[in-house]
């Protein structure tokens, strides 16, 4: 007889409202990233980490140029003890 394991999602499912709230938060994050990119703002490693919801050391260990979702992230320069990053929107399919 086979024993089946229940996935974490099945054991602790989020309500529809919680899932929709997560999507709203995601959309807000993406809008913020888009505004940062379109205005050419430079942001610090900790600000970028907050935006991406990861540890700041994970940002700095990625290198000079890398992709995140719909953006290319560039390490621009260092100011004092802070690294500054710039986001550039990737072209959409068909552009």
C-alpha atoms as a PDB file:
ATOM      1  CA  UNK A   1       0.000   0.000   0.000  1.00  0.00           C
ATOM      2  CA  UNK A   2       1.329   3.448  -0.932  1.00  0.00           C
ATOM      3  CA  UNK A   3       1.461   6.214   1.602  1.00  0.00           C
ATOM      4  CA  UNK A   4       0.701   9.651   0.224  1.00  0.00           C
ATOM      5  CA  UNK A   5       2.103  12.827   1.703  1.00  0.00           C
ATOM      6  CA  UNK A   6       0.024  15.949   1.828  1.00  0.00           C
ATOM      7  CA  UNK A   7       1.637  19.091   0.500  1.00  0.00           C
ATOM      8  CA  UNK A   8       2.152  22.057   2.765  1.00  0.00           C
ATOM      9  CA  UNK A   9      -0.440  23.973   0.751  1.00  0.00           C
ATOM     10  CA  UNK A  10      -3.043  21.310   1.425  1.00  0.00           C
ATOM     11  CA  UNK A  11      -2.176  21.168   5.134  1.00  0.00           C
ATOM     12  CA  UNK A  12      -2.345  24.921   5.633  1.00  0.00           C
ATOM     13  CA  UNK A  13      -4.249  26.450   2.726  1.00  0.00           C
ATOM     14  CA  UNK A  14      -4.529  30.190   2.441  1.00  0.00           C
ATOM     15  CA  UNK A  15      -7.978  31.597   2.123  1.00  0.00           C
ATOM     16  CA  UNK A  16      -8.967  33.173  -1.169  1.00  0.00           C
ATOM     17  CA  UNK A  17      -8.796  36.573   0.507  1.00  0.00           C
ATOM     18  CA  UNK A  18      -5.219  35.930   1.669  1.00  0.00           C
ATOM     19  CA  UNK A  19      -4.173  34.791  -1.820  1.00  0.00           C
ATOM     20  CA  UNK A  20      -5.763  37.883  -3.382  1.00  0.00           C
ATOM     21  CA  UNK A  21      -3.990  40.092  -0.820  1.00  0.00           C
ATOM     22  CA  UNK A  22      -0.678  38.442  -1.751  1.00  0.00           C
ATOM     23  CA  UNK A  23      -1.380  39.233  -5.405  1.00  0.00           C
ATOM     24  CA  UNK A  24      -2.234  42.840  -4.542  1.00  0.00           C
ATOM     25  CA  UNK A  25       1.040  43.129  -2.653  1.00  0.00           C
ATOM     26  CA  UNK A  26       2.891  41.629  -5.621  1.00  0.00           C
ATOM     27  CA  UNK A  27       1.286  44.115  -8.035  1.00  0.00           C
ATOM     28  CA  UNK A  28       2.240  47.000  -5.728  1.00  0.00           C
ATOM     29  CA  UNK A  29       5.829  45.711  -5.595  1.00  0.00           C
ATOM     30  CA  UNK A  30       5.958  45.482  -9.388  1.00  0.00           C
ATOM     31  CA  UNK A  31       4.537  49.005  -9.748  1.00  0.00           C
ATOM     32  CA  UNK A  32       7.174  50.331  -7.378  1.00  0.00           C
ATOM     33  CA  UNK A  33       9.917  48.571  -9.357  1.00  0.00           C
ATOM     34  CA  UNK A  34       8.503  49.991 -12.583  1.00  0.00           C
ATOM     35  CA  UNK A  35       8.479  53.525 -11.192  1.00  0.00           C
ATOM     36  CA  UNK A  36      12.045  53.156  -9.913  1.00  0.00           C
ATOM     37  CA  UNK A  37      13.111  51.985 -13.383  1.00  0.00           C
ATOM     38  CA  UNK A  38      11.160  54.562 -15.384  1.00  0.00           C
ATOM     39  CA  UNK A  39      12.387  57.504 -13.268  1.00  0.00           C
ATOM     40  CA  UNK A  40      15.983  56.245 -13.271  1.00  0.00           C
ATOM     41  CA  UNK A  41      16.166  56.226  -9.481  1.00  0.00           C
ATOM     42  CA  UNK A  42      19.163  54.580  -7.851  1.00  0.00           C
ATOM     43  CA  UNK A  43      18.450  52.425  -4.818  1.00  0.00           C
ATOM     44  CA  UNK A  44      20.653  50.855  -2.163  1.00  0.00           C
ATOM     45  CA  UNK A  45      21.205  47.136  -1.666  1.00  0.00           C
ATOM     46  CA  UNK A  46      18.957  47.119   1.390  1.00  0.00           C
ATOM     47  CA  UNK A  47      16.175  48.955  -0.470  1.00  0.00           C
ATOM     48  CA  UNK A  48      16.454  46.509  -3.365  1.00  0.00           C
ATOM     49  CA  UNK A  49      16.435  43.586  -0.937  1.00  0.00           C
ATOM     50  CA  UNK A  50      13.273  44.958   0.677  1.00  0.00           C
ATOM     51  CA  UNK A  51      11.665  45.317  -2.742  1.00  0.00           C
ATOM     52  CA  UNK A  52      12.607  41.751  -3.690  1.00  0.00           C
ATOM     53  CA  UNK A  53      11.866  40.384  -0.198  1.00  0.00           C
ATOM     54  CA  UNK A  54      15.310  38.819   0.171  1.00  0.00           C
ATOM     55  CA  UNK A  55      18.370  39.328   2.354  1.00  0.00           C
ATOM     56  CA  UNK A  56      20.616  42.270   1.405  1.00  0.00           C
ATOM     57  CA  UNK A  57      23.645  39.969   1.181  1.00  0.00           C
ATOM     58  CA  UNK A  58      21.787  37.969  -1.478  1.00  0.00           C
ATOM     59  CA  UNK A  59      21.531  41.143  -3.565  1.00  0.00           C
ATOM     60  CA  UNK A  60      25.221  41.989  -3.376  1.00  0.00           C
ATOM     61  CA  UNK A  61      26.324  38.421  -4.099  1.00  0.00           C
ATOM     62  CA  UNK A  62      24.524  38.357  -7.468  1.00  0.00           C
ATOM     63  CA  UNK A  63      27.139  40.385  -9.281  1.00  0.00           C
ATOM     64  CA  UNK A  64      27.190  43.486 -11.463  1.00  0.00           C
ATOM     65  CA  UNK A  65      24.216  42.722 -13.744  1.00  0.00           C
ATOM     66  CA  UNK A  66      21.377  40.235 -13.380  1.00  0.00           C
ATOM     67  CA  UNK A  67      17.666  39.806 -14.087  1.00  0.00           C
ATOM     68  CA  UNK A  68      14.797  39.987 -11.647  1.00  0.00           C
ATOM     69  CA  UNK A  69      11.290  39.420 -12.951  1.00  0.00           C
ATOM     70  CA  UNK A  70      10.764  42.082 -15.684  1.00  0.00           C
ATOM     71  CA  UNK A  71      13.908  44.092 -14.956  1.00  0.00           C
ATOM     72  CA  UNK A  72      17.633  43.984 -15.440  1.00  0.00           C
ATOM     73  CA  UNK A  73      19.413  45.097 -12.286  1.00  0.00           C
ATOM     74  CA  UNK A  74      22.705  46.954 -12.672  1.00  0.00           C
ATOM     75  CA  UNK A  75      25.266  47.698 -10.014  1.00  0.00           C
ATOM     76  CA  UNK A  76      25.930  51.371 -10.757  1.00  0.00           C
ATOM     77  CA  UNK A  77      28.374  52.637  -8.156  1.00  0.00           C
ATOM     78  CA  UNK A  78      29.407  52.744  -4.550  1.00  0.00           C
ATOM     79  CA  UNK A  79      28.728  55.742  -2.320  1.00  0.00           C
ATOM     80  CA  UNK A  80      30.570  55.395   0.933  1.00  0.00           C
ATOM     81  CA  UNK A  81      29.672  51.978   2.274  1.00  0.00           C
ATOM     82  CA  UNK A  82      26.559  51.593   0.095  1.00  0.00           C
ATOM     83  CA  UNK A  83      26.212  50.021  -3.316  1.00  0.00           C
ATOM     84  CA  UNK A  84      23.690  51.725  -5.595  1.00  0.00           C
ATOM     85  CA  UNK A  85      21.611  49.801  -8.110  1.00  0.00           C
ATOM     86  CA  UNK A  86      19.522  50.769 -11.127  1.00  0.00           C
ATOM     87  CA  UNK A  87      16.600  48.863 -12.616  1.00  0.00           C
ATOM     88  CA  UNK A  88      15.903  48.763 -16.330  1.00  0.00           C
ATOM     89  CA  UNK A  89      12.635  47.370 -17.644  1.00  0.00           C
ATOM     90  CA  UNK A  90      13.043  44.443 -20.015  1.00  0.00           C
ATOM     91  CA  UNK A  91      11.319  44.845 -23.346  1.00  0.00           C
ATOM     92  CA  UNK A  92       7.953  43.161 -23.520  1.00  0.00           C
ATOM     93  CA  UNK A  93       7.323  40.425 -26.045  1.00  0.00           C
ATOM     94  CA  UNK A  94       6.460  41.987 -29.388  1.00  0.00           C
ATOM     95  CA  UNK A  95       8.239  45.310 -28.739  1.00  0.00           C
END
